[in-house]
Amino acid sequence: MITPKNIFRHELIGLPVKIAGSTHEEFIGIKGKVVDETKSTIRIETDSTEKIIPKGVATFHFYLPDGSIVEVEGKIIIARPEDRIKKKFRKFW
């Protein structure tokens, strides 16, 4: 089960997400569902299109199935999804 403490090691595809902050102002406020993830980008499906957001410039709010919201700095999750499970994370929560 995905929780705020294990989100770094969990699959992000399928989770609702919102861009809470970014160095690129046009990204702020984009909402949708994560449909794909690479080492340095997240593809978000919005109502009308799919947007590719670089992880390194954004802060994400992920909405978990239990109703909680987790804020994740994109720089922390820069890694291939399959490599993130092996990575050691300091406590960010």
Protein backbone atom coordinates (compact mmCIF):
# COMPACT_ATOMS: atom_id res chain seq x y z
CA MET A 1 0.00 0.00 0.00
CA ILE A 2 1.28 3.44 -0.86
CA THR A 3 1.83 5.82 2.06
CA PRO A 4 3.53 9.20 2.44
CA LYS A 5 6.58 7.43 3.87
CA ASN A 6 7.06 5.01 0.96
CA ILE A 7 6.00 7.15 -2.01
CA PHE A 8 9.62 7.51 -3.13
CA ARG A 9 9.83 3.77 -3.67
CA HIS A 10 6.36 3.34 -5.12
CA GLU A 11 5.03 3.44 -8.67
CA LEU A 12 3.79 6.96 -9.52
CA ILE A 13 1.92 6.02 -12.70
CA GLY A 14 -1.81 6.25 -12.11
CA LEU A 15 -1.65 8.73 -9.23
CA PRO A 16 -3.47 12.06 -9.45
CA VAL A 17 -0.97 14.91 -9.31
CA LYS A 18 -0.79 18.70 -9.23
CA ILE A 19 2.24 20.91 -9.90
CA ALA A 20 2.49 23.02 -6.74
CA GLY A 21 5.60 24.96 -7.66
CA SER A 22 8.10 25.29 -10.46
CA THR A 23 10.86 27.52 -11.74
CA HIS A 24 8.89 27.54 -15.00
CA GLU A 25 5.72 29.49 -14.13
CA GLU A 26 3.58 27.93 -16.87
CA PHE A 27 3.80 24.52 -15.14
CA ILE A 28 2.30 25.73 -11.85
CA GLY A 29 -1.26 24.53 -11.35
CA ILE A 30 -1.25 21.73 -13.93
CA LYS A 31 -3.45 18.90 -12.64
CA GLY A 32 -4.02 15.44 -13.98
CA LYS A 33 -3.01 11.81 -13.76
CA VAL A 34 0.53 10.46 -14.17
CA VAL A 35 0.54 8.31 -17.32
CA ASP A 36 4.29 7.82 -17.85
CA GLU A 37 7.58 8.43 -16.08
CA THR A 38 11.18 8.51 -17.25
CA LYS A 39 14.41 9.29 -15.43
CA SER A 40 13.93 13.03 -15.60
CA THR A 41 10.32 13.65 -16.66
CA ILE A 42 6.76 12.90 -15.69
CA ARG A 43 3.99 12.80 -18.33
CA ILE A 44 0.68 14.12 -16.98
CA GLU A 45 -2.65 13.58 -18.72
CA THR A 46 -4.84 16.66 -18.24
CA ASP A 47 -8.42 17.13 -19.44
CA SER A 48 -7.42 17.91 -23.01
CA THR A 49 -3.76 16.99 -23.53
CA GLU A 50 -0.68 15.28 -22.14
CA LYS A 51 2.07 17.47 -20.71
CA ILE A 52 5.67 16.45 -20.09
CA ILE A 53 7.06 18.03 -16.93
CA PRO A 54 10.77 17.89 -16.02
CA LYS A 55 11.19 16.53 -12.49
CA GLY A 56 14.10 18.79 -11.62
CA VAL A 57 12.21 22.07 -11.85
CA ALA A 58 8.91 21.19 -10.17
CA THR A 59 7.34 20.44 -6.81
CA PHE A 60 4.55 17.88 -7.03
CA HIS A 61 1.48 17.22 -4.88
CA PHE A 62 0.55 13.55 -5.23
CA TYR A 63 -2.95 12.54 -4.10
CA LEU A 64 -2.88 9.10 -2.50
CA PRO A 65 -5.80 6.63 -2.54
CA ASP A 66 -6.42 7.16 1.20
CA GLY A 67 -7.09 10.86 0.56
CA SER A 68 -3.79 12.25 1.82
CA ILE A 69 -1.65 14.68 -0.17
CA VAL A 70 2.12 14.28 -0.32
CA GLU A 71 4.41 17.10 -1.46
CA VAL A 72 7.49 15.81 -3.27
CA GLU A 73 10.37 17.91 -4.54
CA GLY A 74 11.08 16.72 -8.08
CA LYS A 75 14.85 16.78 -7.58
CA ILE A 76 14.50 13.99 -5.02
CA ILE A 77 12.82 11.57 -7.44
CA ILE A 78 15.15 12.07 -10.41
CA ALA A 79 15.95 8.46 -11.24
CA ARG A 80 14.54 5.75 -13.42
CA PRO A 81 11.47 4.30 -11.74
CA GLU A 82 13.07 0.86 -11.46
CA ASP A 83 16.19 2.37 -9.85
CA ARG A 84 14.29 4.40 -7.24
CA ILE A 85 13.45 1.26 -5.25
CA LYS A 86 17.16 0.58 -4.73
CA LYS A 87 18.00 4.16 -3.75
CA LYS A 88 18.53 5.18 -0.13
CA PHE A 89 16.43 8.18 0.87
CA ARG A 90 16.97 10.39 3.85
CA LYS A 91 13.83 11.22 5.77
CA PHE A 92 11.99 13.97 3.90
CA TRP A 93 8.66 13.74 5.71
